[in-house]
Amino acid sequence: MSAVEAAPRVEGRSNRGSTTWMVVPALVLLIGFFALPYLTIITMSLREASTRAVYGEGFTLAHYTTALGDFYIWGILGRTLLIGATVTVISLLLGYPVAYHLAKSRSRWTSLLYIFVLSPLLVGLVVRTFAWMIILSNNGVANQALQAVGLIDFPLQLMNNSLGVTIALTHVFLPFVILPLLGNLQAISPDLAMASRSLGASRMRTFWKVTLPLSMPGIQAGTILVFVLSISAYVTPAMLGGTGGRTMSVLVVQYLVDNFRWPAGAALAIIMAAVAVIFVGLYLRLTARAMRRLP
């Protein structure tokens, strides 16, 4: 083999080596901040309970069997998933028109609309939740306004249930579905819609046949992000949910902090994480299959 033929191979090996080293920081972060904490939680969930320490000496599966056989925990798990799905659907229905308008708008007020979209993220989560407590309480702004116009005679129960949690979480996580959609819609070439219109398609048909299918990656990313954040939220359900809107995150913290049952709380956290992975995996497969069938 000549030196001229060997040079590209040597250069290729050096390039691969340099790119491999670039992955090392990401691997260190994944192992240190993702893999190791999960391994610690899994190990803790398998340890015996103890009244003198965080966990005992031996190993057991009793925490999992007890949790999986408890209908109360299954009810809270179902409520958590229902709240997450509801928040995701409402956020998508509210966020898609906003993202579409921002992507197509050439108005000088567009920057102001960006500020409105990002405004929920500019305020602390606890402050936002306190604001919703003032709005949704029995003597709050919402009930007083409804009574003032004569729509209700008695205050509605807007807090200490799933309704209040859903409303507040939708407000908190709405930007997380708008921003991925906005980037996706801005990447779609306007020439595609113009070509569809030039072939005789109406605006609505162009949207359903061209824009919506091409925006599916943004829909997929935004909905997964909102769903995962909703089912793992703690502050908002803890402050607005009460006993009627308790979620798995609140229950896990109650096991860990209030009851000092760290192995049982760790088992609940692992069960919740496993269920979330299963749901997200199924959703990814269904949406990927749907995107392959789109024209």
C-alpha atoms as a PDB file:
ATOM      1  CA  MET A   1       0.000   0.000   0.000  1.00  0.00           C
ATOM      2  CA  SER A   2       1.368   3.399  -0.994  1.00  0.00           C
ATOM      3  CA  ALA A   3       1.754   6.335   1.391  1.00  0.00           C
ATOM      4  CA  VAL A   4      -0.893   8.248  -0.562  1.00  0.00           C
ATOM      5  CA  GLU A   5      -3.489   5.463   0.041  1.00  0.00           C
ATOM      6  CA  ALA A   6      -2.626   5.092   3.724  1.00  0.00           C
ATOM      7  CA  ALA A   7      -2.877   8.821   4.511  1.00  0.00           C
ATOM      8  CA  PRO A   8      -6.707   9.058   4.313  1.00  0.00           C
ATOM      9  CA  ARG A   9      -7.108   6.033   6.584  1.00  0.00           C
ATOM     10  CA  VAL A  10      -4.790   7.533   9.221  1.00  0.00           C
ATOM     11  CA  GLU A  11      -6.628  10.840   8.970  1.00  0.00           C
ATOM     12  CA  GLY A  12      -9.991   9.046   9.345  1.00  0.00           C
ATOM     13  CA  ARG A  13      -8.813   7.249  12.479  1.00  0.00           C
ATOM     14  CA  SER A  14      -7.605  10.521  14.028  1.00  0.00           C
ATOM     15  CA  ASN A  15     -10.927  12.217  13.260  1.00  0.00           C
ATOM     16  CA  ARG A  16     -12.850   9.364  14.873  1.00  0.00           C
ATOM     17  CA  GLY A  17     -10.602   9.580  17.920  1.00  0.00           C
ATOM     18  CA  SER A  18     -11.160  13.316  18.280  1.00  0.00           C
ATOM     19  CA  THR A  19     -14.935  12.969  17.989  1.00  0.00           C
ATOM     20  CA  THR A  20     -14.923  10.157  20.570  1.00  0.00           C
ATOM     21  CA  TRP A  21     -13.289  12.422  23.139  1.00  0.00           C
ATOM     22  CA  MET A  22     -15.989  15.027  22.493  1.00  0.00           C
ATOM     23  CA  VAL A  23     -18.609  12.559  23.772  1.00  0.00           C
ATOM     24  CA  VAL A  24     -16.832  11.991  27.093  1.00  0.00           C
ATOM     25  CA  PRO A  25     -18.215  15.102  28.914  1.00  0.00           C
ATOM     26  CA  ALA A  26     -21.769  14.131  27.949  1.00  0.00           C
ATOM     27  CA  LEU A  27     -21.188  10.561  29.161  1.00  0.00           C
ATOM     28  CA  VAL A  28     -19.795  11.818  32.463  1.00  0.00           C
ATOM     29  CA  LEU A  29     -22.852  14.015  32.974  1.00  0.00           C
ATOM     30  CA  LEU A  30     -25.242  11.177  32.096  1.00  0.00           C
ATOM     31  CA  ILE A  31     -23.534   8.734  34.412  1.00  0.00           C
ATOM     32  CA  GLY A  32     -23.078  11.198  37.266  1.00  0.00           C
ATOM     33  CA  PHE A  33     -26.476  12.904  37.156  1.00  0.00           C
ATOM     34  CA  PHE A  34     -28.720  10.187  35.686  1.00  0.00           C
ATOM     35  CA  ALA A  35     -27.399   6.637  35.971  1.00  0.00           C
ATOM     36  CA  LEU A  36     -25.878   6.812  39.468  1.00  0.00           C
ATOM     37  CA  PRO A  37     -28.898   8.510  41.126  1.00  0.00           C
ATOM     38  CA  TYR A  38     -31.244   5.954  39.579  1.00  0.00           C
ATOM     39  CA  LEU A  39     -29.018   3.071  40.684  1.00  0.00           C
ATOM     40  CA  THR A  40     -29.016   4.532  44.183  1.00  0.00           C
ATOM     41  CA  ILE A  41     -32.825   4.797  44.221  1.00  0.00           C
ATOM     42  CA  ILE A  42     -33.230   1.259  42.857  1.00  0.00           C
ATOM     43  CA  THR A  43     -30.834  -0.100  45.499  1.00  0.00           C
ATOM     44  CA  MET A  44     -32.653   1.802  48.252  1.00  0.00           C
ATOM     45  CA  SER A  45     -36.037   0.470  47.080  1.00  0.00           C
ATOM     46  CA  LEU A  46     -34.768  -3.072  47.550  1.00  0.00           C
ATOM     47  CA  ARG A  47     -33.497  -2.594  51.109  1.00  0.00           C
ATOM     48  CA  GLU A  48     -35.293  -3.504  54.287  1.00  0.00           C
ATOM     49  CA  ALA A  49     -37.135  -0.790  56.195  1.00  0.00           C
ATOM     50  CA  SER A  50     -35.584   0.527  59.395  1.00  0.00           C
ATOM     51  CA  THR A  51     -36.694   2.809  62.213  1.00  0.00           C
ATOM     52  CA  ARG A  52     -33.123   3.762  63.173  1.00  0.00           C
ATOM     53  CA  ALA A  53     -31.635   4.511  59.746  1.00  0.00           C
ATOM     54  CA  VAL A  54     -32.653   5.362  56.203  1.00  0.00           C
ATOM     55  CA  TYR A  55     -32.813   1.644  55.381  1.00  0.00           C
ATOM     56  CA  GLY A  56     -31.928  -1.670  56.966  1.00  0.00           C
ATOM     57  CA  GLU A  57     -29.346  -4.320  56.222  1.00  0.00           C
ATOM     58  CA  GLY A  58     -31.135  -6.878  54.090  1.00  0.00           C
ATOM     59  CA  PHE A  59     -32.795  -6.852  50.663  1.00  0.00           C
ATOM     60  CA  THR A  60     -36.469  -7.419  49.883  1.00  0.00           C
ATOM     61  CA  LEU A  61     -39.136  -7.002  47.201  1.00  0.00           C
ATOM     62  CA  ALA A  62     -41.837  -6.336  49.780  1.00  0.00           C
ATOM     63  CA  HIS A  63     -42.026  -2.615  49.015  1.00  0.00           C
ATOM     64  CA  TYR A  64     -42.880  -3.338  45.384  1.00  0.00           C
ATOM     65  CA  THR A  65     -45.412  -6.058  46.144  1.00  0.00           C
ATOM     66  CA  THR A  66     -47.109  -3.881  48.758  1.00  0.00           C
ATOM     67  CA  ALA A  67     -47.296  -0.874  46.416  1.00  0.00           C
ATOM     68  CA  LEU A  68     -48.534  -2.896  43.435  1.00  0.00           C
ATOM     69  CA  GLY A  69     -51.235  -4.502  45.580  1.00  0.00           C
ATOM     70  CA  ASP A  70     -52.498  -1.223  47.036  1.00  0.00           C
ATOM     71  CA  PHE A  71     -55.553   0.121  45.179  1.00  0.00           C
ATOM     72  CA  TYR A  72     -55.086   3.530  46.815  1.00  0.00           C
ATOM     73  CA  ILE A  73     -51.678   3.887  45.149  1.00  0.00           C
ATOM     74  CA  TRP A  74     -53.113   2.693  41.828  1.00  0.00           C
ATOM     75  CA  GLY A  75     -55.804   5.359  42.121  1.00  0.00           C
ATOM     76  CA  ILE A  76     -53.231   8.105  42.691  1.00  0.00           C
ATOM     77  CA  LEU A  77     -51.132   6.747  39.814  1.00  0.00           C
ATOM     78  CA  GLY A  78     -54.162   6.831  37.514  1.00  0.00           C
ATOM     79  CA  ARG A  79     -55.001  10.371  38.626  1.00  0.00           C
ATOM     80  CA  THR A  80     -51.424  11.461  37.960  1.00  0.00           C
ATOM     81  CA  LEU A  81     -51.462  10.034  34.431  1.00  0.00           C
ATOM     82  CA  LEU A  82     -54.893  11.544  33.767  1.00  0.00           C
ATOM     83  CA  ILE A  83     -53.735  14.990  34.906  1.00  0.00           C
ATOM     84  CA  GLY A  84     -50.613  14.670  32.760  1.00  0.00           C
ATOM     85  CA  ALA A  85     -52.605  13.652  29.673  1.00  0.00           C
ATOM     86  CA  THR A  86     -55.188  16.404  30.217  1.00  0.00           C
ATOM     87  CA  VAL A  87     -52.544  19.098  30.662  1.00  0.00           C
ATOM     88  CA  THR A  88     -50.759  17.838  27.542  1.00  0.00           C
ATOM     89  CA  VAL A  89     -53.868  17.897  25.338  1.00  0.00           C
ATOM     90  CA  ILE A  90     -55.007  21.336  26.583  1.00  0.00           C
ATOM     91  CA  SER A  91     -51.497  22.763  26.178  1.00  0.00           C
ATOM     92  CA  LEU A  92     -51.331  21.452  22.609  1.00  0.00           C
ATOM     93  CA  LEU A  93     -54.754  22.851  21.691  1.00  0.00           C
ATOM     94  CA  LEU A  94     -53.882  26.242  23.173  1.00  0.00           C
ATOM     95  CA  GLY A  95     -50.249  26.314  22.105  1.00  0.00           C
ATOM     96  CA  TYR A  96     -50.472  25.267  18.460  1.00  0.00           C
ATOM     97  CA  PRO A  97     -52.426  28.370  17.281  1.00  0.00           C
ATOM     98  CA  VAL A  98     -50.028  30.615  19.221  1.00  0.00           C
ATOM     99  CA  ALA A  99     -46.947  28.914  17.741  1.00  0.00           C
ATOM    100  CA  TYR A 100     -48.479  29.019  14.253  1.00  0.00           C
ATOM    101  CA  HIS A 101     -49.228  32.733  14.550  1.00  0.00           C
ATOM    102  CA  LEU A 102     -45.736  33.519  15.847  1.00  0.00           C
ATOM    103  CA  ALA A 103     -44.140  31.494  13.038  1.00  0.00           C
ATOM    104  CA  LYS A 104     -46.128  33.285  10.314  1.00  0.00           C
ATOM    105  CA  SER A 105     -46.328  36.750  11.844  1.00  0.00           C
ATOM    106  CA  ARG A 106     -44.238  39.630  10.477  1.00  0.00           C
ATOM    107  CA  SER A 107     -45.766  42.207  12.796  1.00  0.00           C
ATOM    108  CA  ARG A 108     -43.667  44.569  14.876  1.00  0.00           C
ATOM    109  CA  TRP A 109     -45.546  43.260  17.916  1.00  0.00           C
ATOM    110  CA  THR A 110     -44.093  39.769  17.492  1.00  0.00           C
ATOM    111  CA  SER A 111     -41.377  40.394  20.069  1.00  0.00           C
ATOM    112  CA  LEU A 112     -44.050  41.402  22.582  1.00  0.00           C
ATOM    113  CA  LEU A 113     -45.885  38.130  21.890  1.00  0.00           C
ATOM    114  CA  TYR A 114     -42.651  36.247  22.588  1.00  0.00           C
ATOM    115  CA  ILE A 115     -42.466  37.960  25.973  1.00  0.00           C
ATOM    116  CA  PHE A 116     -46.060  36.935  26.756  1.00  0.00           C
ATOM    117  CA  VAL A 117     -45.257  33.323  25.841  1.00  0.00           C
ATOM    118  CA  LEU A 118     -42.150  33.278  28.030  1.00  0.00           C
ATOM    119  CA  SER A 119     -43.698  35.257  30.900  1.00  0.00           C
ATOM    120  CA  PRO A 120     -44.717  32.145  32.932  1.00  0.00           C
ATOM    121  CA  LEU A 121     -41.052  31.129  32.989  1.00  0.00           C
ATOM    122  CA  LEU A 122     -39.911  34.523  34.280  1.00  0.00           C
ATOM    123  CA  VAL A 123     -41.673  34.106  37.640  1.00  0.00           C
ATOM    124  CA  GLY A 124     -40.792  31.573  40.322  1.00  0.00           C
ATOM    125  CA  LEU A 125     -42.923  28.444  40.490  1.00  0.00           C
ATOM    126  CA  VAL A 126     -43.974  29.024  44.106  1.00  0.00           C
ATOM    127  CA  VAL A 127     -45.014  32.605  43.320  1.00  0.00           C
ATOM    128  CA  ARG A 128     -47.090  31.443  40.339  1.00  0.00           C
ATOM    129  CA  THR A 129     -48.768  28.783  42.436  1.00  0.00           C
ATOM    130  CA  PHE A 130     -49.606  31.286  45.170  1.00  0.00           C
ATOM    131  CA  ALA A 131     -51.158  33.501  42.501  1.00  0.00           C
ATOM    132  CA  TRP A 132     -53.369  30.620  41.364  1.00  0.00           C
ATOM    133  CA  MET A 133     -54.364  29.990  44.984  1.00  0.00           C
ATOM    134  CA  ILE A 134     -55.605  33.589  45.167  1.00  0.00           C
ATOM    135  CA  ILE A 135     -57.497  33.181  41.891  1.00  0.00           C
ATOM    136  CA  LEU A 136     -59.044  29.748  42.518  1.00  0.00           C
ATOM    137  CA  SER A 137     -59.907  29.893  46.227  1.00  0.00           C
ATOM    138  CA  ASN A 138     -63.526  29.996  47.390  1.00  0.00           C
ATOM    139  CA  ASN A 139     -63.243  33.757  47.923  1.00  0.00           C
ATOM    140  CA  GLY A 140     -60.856  34.187  45.023  1.00  0.00           C
ATOM    141  CA  VAL A 141     -61.023  36.264  41.874  1.00  0.00           C
ATOM    142  CA  ALA A 142     -62.611  33.547  39.729  1.00  0.00           C
ATOM    143  CA  ASN A 143     -65.509  32.782  42.093  1.00  0.00           C
ATOM    144  CA  GLN A 144     -66.138  36.451  42.839  1.00  0.00           C
ATOM    145  CA  ALA A 145     -66.281  37.263  39.122  1.00  0.00           C
ATOM    146  CA  LEU A 146     -68.688  34.386  38.405  1.00  0.00           C
ATOM    147  CA  GLN A 147     -70.931  35.421  41.298  1.00  0.00           C
ATOM    148  CA  ALA A 148     -70.829  39.061  40.216  1.00  0.00           C
ATOM    149  CA  VAL A 149     -72.214  38.260  36.754  1.00  0.00           C
ATOM    150  CA  GLY A 150     -74.805  35.897  38.217  1.00  0.00           C
ATOM    151  CA  LEU A 151     -73.524  32.631  36.743  1.00  0.00           C
ATOM    152  CA  ILE A 152     -73.227  30.921  40.132  1.00  0.00           C
ATOM    153  CA  ASP A 153     -74.841  31.381  43.535  1.00  0.00           C
ATOM    154  CA  PHE A 154     -72.277  29.515  45.599  1.00  0.00           C
ATOM    155  CA  PRO A 155     -68.489  29.318  45.188  1.00  0.00           C
ATOM    156  CA  LEU A 156     -67.158  26.521  42.997  1.00  0.00           C
ATOM    157  CA  GLN A 157     -64.578  24.113  44.359  1.00  0.00           C
ATOM    158  CA  LEU A 158     -61.664  25.073  42.107  1.00  0.00           C
ATOM    159  CA  MET A 159     -58.912  24.049  44.535  1.00  0.00           C
ATOM    160  CA  ASN A 160     -57.996  20.905  46.474  1.00  0.00           C
ATOM    161  CA  ASN A 161     -58.873  18.764  43.472  1.00  0.00           C
ATOM    162  CA  SER A 162     -57.540  17.770  40.067  1.00  0.00           C
ATOM    163  CA  LEU A 163     -59.174  20.759  38.348  1.00  0.00           C
ATOM    164  CA  GLY A 164     -57.048  23.365  40.104  1.00  0.00           C
ATOM    165  CA  VAL A 165     -53.883  21.339  39.524  1.00  0.00           C
ATOM    166  CA  THR A 166     -54.700  20.964  35.824  1.00  0.00           C
ATOM    167  CA  ILE A 167     -55.357  24.692  35.356  1.00  0.00           C
ATOM    168  CA  ALA A 168     -52.146  25.744  37.096  1.00  0.00           C
ATOM    169  CA  LEU A 169     -49.967  23.135  35.372  1.00  0.00           C
ATOM    170  CA  THR A 170     -51.321  24.150  31.963  1.00  0.00           C
ATOM    171  CA  HIS A 171     -50.293  27.732  32.660  1.00  0.00           C
ATOM    172  CA  VAL A 172     -46.859  26.643  33.870  1.00  0.00           C
ATOM    173  CA  PHE A 173     -46.014  24.238  31.034  1.00  0.00           C
ATOM    174  CA  LEU A 174     -47.717  25.900  28.059  1.00  0.00           C
ATOM    175  CA  PRO A 175     -44.429  27.500  26.848  1.00  0.00           C
ATOM    176  CA  PHE A 176     -42.834  24.048  26.714  1.00  0.00           C
ATOM    177  CA  VAL A 177     -45.171  23.012  23.909  1.00  0.00           C
ATOM    178  CA  ILE A 178     -45.153  26.373  22.116  1.00  0.00           C
ATOM    179  CA  LEU A 179     -41.374  26.689  21.781  1.00  0.00           C
ATOM    180  CA  PRO A 180     -40.676  23.308  20.092  1.00  0.00           C
ATOM    181  CA  LEU A 181     -43.653  23.860  17.778  1.00  0.00           C
ATOM    182  CA  LEU A 182     -42.457  27.359  16.954  1.00  0.00           C
ATOM    183  CA  GLY A 183     -39.029  26.127  15.890  1.00  0.00           C
ATOM    184  CA  ASN A 184     -40.570  23.341  13.812  1.00  0.00           C
ATOM    185  CA  LEU A 185     -43.106  25.611  12.083  1.00  0.00           C
ATOM    186  CA  GLN A 186     -40.460  28.222  11.293  1.00  0.00           C
ATOM    187  CA  ALA A 187     -38.369  25.523   9.592  1.00  0.00           C
ATOM    188  CA  ILE A 188     -41.185  24.636   7.166  1.00  0.00           C
ATOM    189  CA  SER A 189     -40.605  26.325   3.825  1.00  0.00           C
ATOM    190  CA  PRO A 190     -43.417  28.733   2.815  1.00  0.00           C
ATOM    191  CA  ASP A 191     -42.973  27.520  -0.758  1.00  0.00           C
ATOM    192  CA  LEU A 192     -44.697  24.244   0.150  1.00  0.00           C
ATOM    193  CA  ALA A 193     -47.893  25.992   1.204  1.00  0.00           C
ATOM    194  CA  MET A 194     -47.708  28.263  -1.832  1.00  0.00           C
ATOM    195  CA  ALA A 195     -47.353  25.242  -4.112  1.00  0.00           C
ATOM    196  CA  SER A 196     -50.375  23.611  -2.476  1.00  0.00           C
ATOM    197  CA  ARG A 197     -52.441  26.777  -2.902  1.00  0.00           C
ATOM    198  CA  SER A 198     -51.351  27.118  -6.522  1.00  0.00           C
ATOM    199  CA  LEU A 199     -52.645  23.608  -7.199  1.00  0.00           C
ATOM    200  CA  GLY A 200     -56.105  24.612  -6.018  1.00  0.00           C
ATOM    201  CA  ALA A 201     -56.074  23.552  -2.365  1.00  0.00           C
ATOM    202  CA  SER A 202     -57.858  25.759   0.138  1.00  0.00           C
ATOM    203  CA  ARG A 203     -56.127  27.213   3.198  1.00  0.00           C
ATOM    204  CA  MET A 204     -57.712  24.589   5.433  1.00  0.00           C
ATOM    205  CA  ARG A 205     -56.761  21.709   3.150  1.00  0.00           C
ATOM    206  CA  THR A 206     -53.225  23.075   2.871  1.00  0.00           C
ATOM    207  CA  PHE A 207     -52.984  23.160   6.646  1.00  0.00           C
ATOM    208  CA  TRP A 208     -54.263  19.594   7.120  1.00  0.00           C
ATOM    209  CA  LYS A 209     -52.288  18.071   4.246  1.00  0.00           C
ATOM    210  CA  VAL A 210     -49.048  20.083   4.371  1.00  0.00           C
ATOM    211  CA  THR A 211     -48.457  22.138   7.521  1.00  0.00           C
ATOM    212  CA  LEU A 212     -49.832  19.767  10.157  1.00  0.00           C
ATOM    213  CA  PRO A 213     -47.965  16.642   8.931  1.00  0.00           C
ATOM    214  CA  LEU A 214     -44.698  18.592   8.698  1.00  0.00           C
ATOM    215  CA  SER A 215     -45.170  19.932  12.224  1.00  0.00           C
ATOM    216  CA  MET A 216     -45.572  16.478  13.751  1.00  0.00           C
ATOM    217  CA  PRO A 217     -41.971  16.344  15.071  1.00  0.00           C
ATOM    218  CA  GLY A 218     -42.627  19.570  17.023  1.00  0.00           C
ATOM    219  CA  ILE A 219     -45.929  18.191  18.311  1.00  0.00           C
ATOM    220  CA  GLN A 220     -44.211  14.992  19.397  1.00  0.00           C
ATOM    221  CA  ALA A 221     -41.381  16.792  21.207  1.00  0.00           C
ATOM    222  CA  GLY A 222     -43.638  19.343  22.897  1.00  0.00           C
ATOM    223  CA  THR A 223     -46.264  16.880  24.097  1.00  0.00           C
ATOM    224  CA  ILE A 224     -43.693  14.469  25.533  1.00  0.00           C
ATOM    225  CA  LEU A 225     -41.980  17.315  27.349  1.00  0.00           C
ATOM    226  CA  VAL A 226     -45.231  18.625  28.843  1.00  0.00           C
ATOM    227  CA  PHE A 227     -46.464  15.148  29.807  1.00  0.00           C
ATOM    228  CA  VAL A 228     -43.255  14.195  31.606  1.00  0.00           C
ATOM    229  CA  LEU A 229     -43.071  17.537  33.415  1.00  0.00           C
ATOM    230  CA  SER A 230     -46.750  17.343  34.420  1.00  0.00           C
ATOM    231  CA  ILE A 231     -46.645  13.877  35.953  1.00  0.00           C
ATOM    232  CA  SER A 232     -43.429  14.678  37.833  1.00  0.00           C
ATOM    233  CA  ALA A 233     -44.525  18.104  39.137  1.00  0.00           C
ATOM    234  CA  TYR A 234     -44.532  18.465  42.908  1.00  0.00           C
ATOM    235  CA  VAL A 235     -44.954  22.091  44.044  1.00  0.00           C
ATOM    236  CA  THR A 236     -48.207  22.813  42.193  1.00  0.00           C
ATOM    237  CA  PRO A 237     -50.042  19.578  43.189  1.00  0.00           C
ATOM    238  CA  ALA A 238     -48.801  19.936  46.772  1.00  0.00           C
ATOM    239  CA  MET A 239     -50.114  23.499  47.087  1.00  0.00           C
ATOM    240  CA  LEU A 240     -53.294  23.274  45.005  1.00  0.00           C
ATOM    241  CA  GLY A 241     -54.234  19.590  45.001  1.00  0.00           C
ATOM    242  CA  GLY A 242     -55.012  18.876  48.630  1.00  0.00           C
ATOM    243  CA  THR A 243     -56.235  15.345  49.241  1.00  0.00           C
ATOM    244  CA  GLY A 244     -58.474  15.368  46.164  1.00  0.00           C
ATOM    245  CA  GLY A 245     -55.671  16.260  43.753  1.00  0.00           C
ATOM    246  CA  ARG A 246     -52.769  14.356  45.258  1.00  0.00           C
ATOM    247  CA  THR A 247     -50.322  12.967  42.701  1.00  0.00           C
ATOM    248  CA  MET A 248     -47.532  10.396  42.835  1.00  0.00           C
ATOM    249  CA  SER A 249     -44.857  13.053  43.385  1.00  0.00           C
ATOM    250  CA  VAL A 250     -46.675  14.335  46.473  1.00  0.00           C
ATOM    251  CA  LEU A 251     -47.162  10.783  47.743  1.00  0.00           C
ATOM    252  CA  VAL A 252     -43.466   9.938  47.271  1.00  0.00           C
ATOM    253  CA  VAL A 253     -42.375  13.023  49.232  1.00  0.00           C
ATOM    254  CA  GLN A 254     -44.915  12.156  51.934  1.00  0.00           C
ATOM    255  CA  TYR A 255     -43.389   8.668  52.252  1.00  0.00           C
ATOM    256  CA  LEU A 256     -39.841  10.056  52.347  1.00  0.00           C
ATOM    257  CA  VAL A 257     -40.211  13.136  54.551  1.00  0.00           C
ATOM    258  CA  ASP A 258     -43.360  12.748  56.638  1.00  0.00           C
ATOM    259  CA  ASN A 259     -43.316   8.987  57.228  1.00  0.00           C
ATOM    260  CA  PHE A 260     -39.538   8.453  56.912  1.00  0.00           C
ATOM    261  CA  ARG A 261     -40.174   5.356  54.766  1.00  0.00           C
ATOM    262  CA  TRP A 262     -37.318   5.816  52.338  1.00  0.00           C
ATOM    263  CA  PRO A 263     -37.281   2.309  50.783  1.00  0.00           C
ATOM    264  CA  ALA A 264     -41.065   2.379  50.205  1.00  0.00           C
ATOM    265  CA  GLY A 265     -40.867   5.914  48.766  1.00  0.00           C
ATOM    266  CA  ALA A 266     -38.016   4.877  46.479  1.00  0.00           C
ATOM    267  CA  ALA A 267     -40.089   1.921  45.244  1.00  0.00           C
ATOM    268  CA  LEU A 268     -42.982   4.286  44.431  1.00  0.00           C
ATOM    269  CA  ALA A 269     -40.599   6.564  42.533  1.00  0.00           C
ATOM    270  CA  ILE A 270     -39.265   3.647  40.480  1.00  0.00           C
ATOM    271  CA  ILE A 271     -42.789   2.434  39.702  1.00  0.00           C
ATOM    272  CA  MET A 272     -43.778   5.929  38.558  1.00  0.00           C
ATOM    273  CA  ALA A 273     -40.646   6.225  36.409  1.00  0.00           C
ATOM    274  CA  ALA A 274     -41.265   2.806  34.833  1.00  0.00           C
ATOM    275  CA  VAL A 275     -44.885   3.649  34.014  1.00  0.00           C
ATOM    276  CA  ALA A 276     -43.812   6.983  32.504  1.00  0.00           C
ATOM    277  CA  VAL A 277     -41.190   5.277  30.331  1.00  0.00           C
ATOM    278  CA  ILE A 278     -43.776   2.753  29.110  1.00  0.00           C
ATOM    279  CA  PHE A 279     -46.308   5.462  28.226  1.00  0.00           C
ATOM    280  CA  VAL A 280     -43.719   7.649  26.487  1.00  0.00           C
ATOM    281  CA  GLY A 281     -42.363   4.650  24.592  1.00  0.00           C
ATOM    282  CA  LEU A 282     -45.830   3.668  23.370  1.00  0.00           C
ATOM    283  CA  TYR A 283     -46.553   7.270  22.385  1.00  0.00           C
ATOM    284  CA  LEU A 284     -43.284   7.477  20.434  1.00  0.00           C
ATOM    285  CA  ARG A 285     -44.091   4.296  18.544  1.00  0.00           C
ATOM    286  CA  LEU A 286     -47.638   5.396  17.740  1.00  0.00           C
ATOM    287  CA  THR A 287     -46.618   8.875  16.591  1.00  0.00           C
ATOM    288  CA  ALA A 288     -43.685   7.508  14.575  1.00  0.00           C
ATOM    289  CA  ARG A 289     -46.031   5.075  12.848  1.00  0.00           C
ATOM    290  CA  ALA A 290     -48.513   7.871  12.185  1.00  0.00           C
ATOM    291  CA  MET A 291     -45.784  10.098  10.716  1.00  0.00           C
ATOM    292  CA  ARG A 292     -44.680   7.317   8.371  1.00  0.00           C
ATOM    293  CA  ARG A 293     -48.225   7.043   7.012  1.00  0.00           C
ATOM    294  CA  LEU A 294     -48.562  10.768   6.379  1.00  0.00           C
ATOM    295  CA  PRO A 295     -48.414  11.865   2.735  1.00  0.00           C
END
